[in-house]
C-alpha atoms as a PDB file:
ATOM      1  CA  MET A   1     -15.838  16.418   3.879  1.00  0.00           C
ATOM      2  CA  ILE A   2     -15.539  13.814   6.542  1.00  0.00           C
ATOM      3  CA  ARG A   3     -13.186  11.153   5.984  1.00  0.00           C
ATOM      4  CA  VAL A   4     -13.372   7.738   7.098  1.00  0.00           C
ATOM      5  CA  SER A   5      -9.802   5.442   7.588  1.00  0.00           C
ATOM      6  CA  ASP A   6      -9.729   1.570   6.249  1.00  0.00           C
ATOM      7  CA  ASP A   7      -9.984   0.425   9.996  1.00  0.00           C
ATOM      8  CA  ALA A   8     -13.008   2.546  10.488  1.00  0.00           C
ATOM      9  CA  ARG A   9     -14.804   1.669   7.565  1.00  0.00           C
ATOM     10  CA  ARG A  10     -14.720  -2.069   8.337  1.00  0.00           C
ATOM     11  CA  LYS A  11     -15.770  -1.743  11.740  1.00  0.00           C
ATOM     12  CA  LEU A  12     -18.751   0.535  10.355  1.00  0.00           C
ATOM     13  CA  VAL A  13     -19.676  -1.989   8.189  1.00  0.00           C
ATOM     14  CA  GLN A  14     -19.500  -4.514  10.731  1.00  0.00           C
ATOM     15  CA  LEU A  15     -21.218  -3.184  13.250  1.00  0.00           C
ATOM     16  CA  MET A  16     -24.083  -1.928  10.752  1.00  0.00           C
ATOM     17  CA  GLY A  17     -24.576  -5.466   9.735  1.00  0.00           C
ATOM     18  CA  GLU A  18     -25.243  -6.541  13.196  1.00  0.00           C
ATOM     19  CA  GLU A  19     -27.833  -3.799  13.908  1.00  0.00           C
ATOM     20  CA  GLY A  20     -29.638  -4.581  10.883  1.00  0.00           C
ATOM     21  CA  TYR A  21     -28.210  -1.542   8.476  1.00  0.00           C
ATOM     22  CA  ASP A  22     -27.147  -1.968   4.938  1.00  0.00           C
ATOM     23  CA  ALA A  23     -23.783  -0.027   4.543  1.00  0.00           C
ATOM     24  CA  SER A  24     -24.399   0.284   1.113  1.00  0.00           C
ATOM     25  CA  LYS A  25     -27.682   2.479   1.332  1.00  0.00           C
ATOM     26  CA  ASP A  26     -27.891   3.271   5.028  1.00  0.00           C
ATOM     27  CA  TYR A  27     -25.751   6.246   6.549  1.00  0.00           C
ATOM     28  CA  VAL A  28     -23.664   6.693   9.579  1.00  0.00           C
ATOM     29  CA  ARG A  29     -24.638  10.135  11.344  1.00  0.00           C
ATOM     30  CA  VAL A  30     -22.084  12.286  12.812  1.00  0.00           C
ATOM     31  CA  GLY A  31     -22.597  15.268  14.805  1.00  0.00           C
ATOM     32  CA  VAL A  32     -21.632  17.281  17.905  1.00  0.00           C
ATOM     33  CA  LYS A  33     -23.823  18.034  20.947  1.00  0.00           C
ATOM     34  CA  SER A  34     -23.153  19.790  24.261  1.00  0.00           C
ATOM     35  CA  GLY A  35     -21.551  18.197  26.485  1.00  0.00           C
ATOM     36  CA  GLY A  36     -18.342  16.282  28.020  1.00  0.00           C
ATOM     37  CA  CYS A  37     -15.586  17.753  29.672  1.00  0.00           C
ATOM     38  CA  SER A  38     -14.454  20.247  27.081  1.00  0.00           C
ATOM     39  CA  GLY A  39     -17.960  21.571  25.915  1.00  0.00           C
ATOM     40  CA  LEU A  40     -18.796  19.635  22.658  1.00  0.00           C
ATOM     41  CA  GLU A  41     -19.106  16.049  22.546  1.00  0.00           C
ATOM     42  CA  TYR A  42     -18.830  13.689  19.322  1.00  0.00           C
ATOM     43  CA  VAL A  43     -22.286  11.699  18.538  1.00  0.00           C
ATOM     44  CA  LEU A  44     -22.123   8.416  16.057  1.00  0.00           C
ATOM     45  CA  LYS A  45     -24.940   6.368  15.252  1.00  0.00           C
ATOM     46  CA  PHE A  46     -26.612   4.957  12.091  1.00  0.00           C
ATOM     47  CA  ASP A  47     -29.598   6.258  10.429  1.00  0.00           C
ATOM     48  CA  SER A  48     -31.756   4.991   7.000  1.00  0.00           C
ATOM     49  CA  GLU A  49     -33.304   8.568   6.638  1.00  0.00           C
ATOM     50  CA  LEU A  50     -32.413  11.998   5.694  1.00  0.00           C
ATOM     51  CA  GLY A  51     -33.528  15.474   7.323  1.00  0.00           C
ATOM     52  CA  GLU A  52     -33.282  18.449   5.235  1.00  0.00           C
ATOM     53  CA  SER A  53     -30.631  20.160   6.937  1.00  0.00           C
ATOM     54  CA  ASP A  54     -28.223  17.269   6.258  1.00  0.00           C
ATOM     55  CA  LYS A  55     -25.322  16.886   4.052  1.00  0.00           C
ATOM     56  CA  VAL A  56     -24.102  13.849   2.746  1.00  0.00           C
ATOM     57  CA  PHE A  57     -20.805  12.678   2.065  1.00  0.00           C
ATOM     58  CA  GLU A  58     -19.619   9.521   0.639  1.00  0.00           C
ATOM     59  CA  ASP A  59     -15.990   8.321   1.744  1.00  0.00           C
ATOM     60  CA  ASN A  60     -14.276   4.932   1.561  1.00  0.00           C
ATOM     61  CA  GLU A  61     -17.695   3.092   0.575  1.00  0.00           C
ATOM     62  CA  VAL A  62     -19.302   4.735   3.718  1.00  0.00           C
ATOM     63  CA  ARG A  63     -22.389   7.063   3.249  1.00  0.00           C
ATOM     64  CA  VAL A  64     -22.055   9.796   6.098  1.00  0.00           C
ATOM     65  CA  ALA A  65     -24.630  11.778   7.161  1.00  0.00           C
ATOM     66  CA  VAL A  66     -24.042  15.403   8.900  1.00  0.00           C
ATOM     67  CA  GLU A  67     -26.540  17.908   9.848  1.00  0.00           C
ATOM     68  CA  LYS A  68     -25.563  21.360   8.619  1.00  0.00           C
ATOM     69  CA  LYS A  69     -24.875  22.732  12.197  1.00  0.00           C
ATOM     70  CA  SER A  70     -22.531  20.139  12.966  1.00  0.00           C
ATOM     71  CA  PHE A  71     -21.108  20.133   9.782  1.00  0.00           C
ATOM     72  CA  LEU A  72     -19.221  23.382  11.096  1.00  0.00           C
ATOM     73  CA  TYR A  73     -17.672  21.965  13.608  1.00  0.00           C
ATOM     74  CA  LEU A  74     -16.599  18.997  11.769  1.00  0.00           C
ATOM     75  CA  ALA A  75     -15.640  19.869   8.313  1.00  0.00           C
ATOM     76  CA  GLY A  76     -12.335  18.267   7.242  1.00  0.00           C
ATOM     77  CA  THR A  77     -12.543  15.529  10.347  1.00  0.00           C
ATOM     78  CA  VAL A  78     -11.490  11.698   9.707  1.00  0.00           C
ATOM     79  CA  LEU A  79     -13.008   9.160  11.527  1.00  0.00           C
ATOM     80  CA  GLU A  80     -10.778   6.605  12.529  1.00  0.00           C
ATOM     81  CA  PHE A  81     -10.991   3.390  14.869  1.00  0.00           C
ATOM     82  CA  SER A  82      -8.436   1.997  17.093  1.00  0.00           C
ATOM     83  CA  GLY A  83      -9.012  -1.293  18.571  1.00  0.00           C
ATOM     84  CA  GLY A  84      -6.507  -3.812  20.552  1.00  0.00           C
ATOM     85  CA  LEU A  85      -5.761  -4.099  23.985  1.00  0.00           C
ATOM     86  CA  ASN A  86      -5.593   0.116  24.212  1.00  0.00           C
ATOM     87  CA  GLY A  87      -7.952   0.881  21.629  1.00  0.00           C
ATOM     88  CA  LYS A  88     -10.351   3.949  22.217  1.00  0.00           C
ATOM     89  CA  GLY A  89     -12.969   2.707  19.484  1.00  0.00           C
ATOM     90  CA  PHE A  90     -14.073   5.216  17.299  1.00  0.00           C
ATOM     91  CA  VAL A  91     -11.802   8.521  17.028  1.00  0.00           C
ATOM     92  CA  PHE A  92     -12.599  11.972  15.751  1.00  0.00           C
ATOM     93  CA  ASN A  93      -9.296  13.640  14.135  1.00  0.00           C
ATOM     94  CA  ASN A  94     -10.704  16.960  13.866  1.00  0.00           C
ATOM     95  CA  PRO A  95      -8.432  19.661  12.708  1.00  0.00           C
ATOM     96  CA  ASN A  96     -10.939  22.414  14.174  1.00  0.00           C
ATOM     97  CA  ALA A  97     -10.296  21.621  17.891  1.00  0.00           C
ATOM     98  CA  SER A  98      -8.453  23.729  20.001  1.00  0.00           C
ATOM     99  CA  ARG A  99      -8.526  21.540  22.821  1.00  0.00           C
ATOM    100  CA  THR A 100      -9.609  17.555  23.379  1.00  0.00           C
ATOM    101  CA  CYS A 101     -10.184  16.117  26.680  1.00  0.00           C
ATOM    102  CA  GLY A 102      -8.515  12.709  27.504  1.00  0.00           C
ATOM    103  CA  CYS A 103     -10.436  10.305  26.518  1.00  0.00           C
ATOM    104  CA  GLY A 104     -10.716  11.570  22.981  1.00  0.00           C
ATOM    105  CA  GLU A 105     -14.571  12.315  23.405  1.00  0.00           C
ATOM    106  CA  SER A 106     -14.912  16.073  23.552  1.00  0.00           C
ATOM    107  CA  PHE A 107     -13.208  19.118  22.273  1.00  0.00           C
ATOM    108  CA  SER A 108     -13.902  22.969  22.324  1.00  0.00           C
ATOM    109  CA  LEU A 109     -12.947  25.315  19.317  1.00  0.00           C
END
């Protein structure tokens, strides 16, 4: 399962609305791809459709879609949002990551 913090939920709902998505029926798609300073980097975007290999979770009134391959890397992750002067934006707190880069946007296992 992938969890969504209260701050992340508020920001996701706001951004989805700004981009023409409806948080009550569309999805926040999270995943990983090769790249970044540590080998794998996080991907976050909005989507209105599911693929055959997607796993779907709902947490904190947010529907999250994850492709099965990415889910292996993201199981147990908490999606958070850090705002303010020193905020980083969306943050993936991933218990599976053995190492992360300084910016927090990439990781390795």
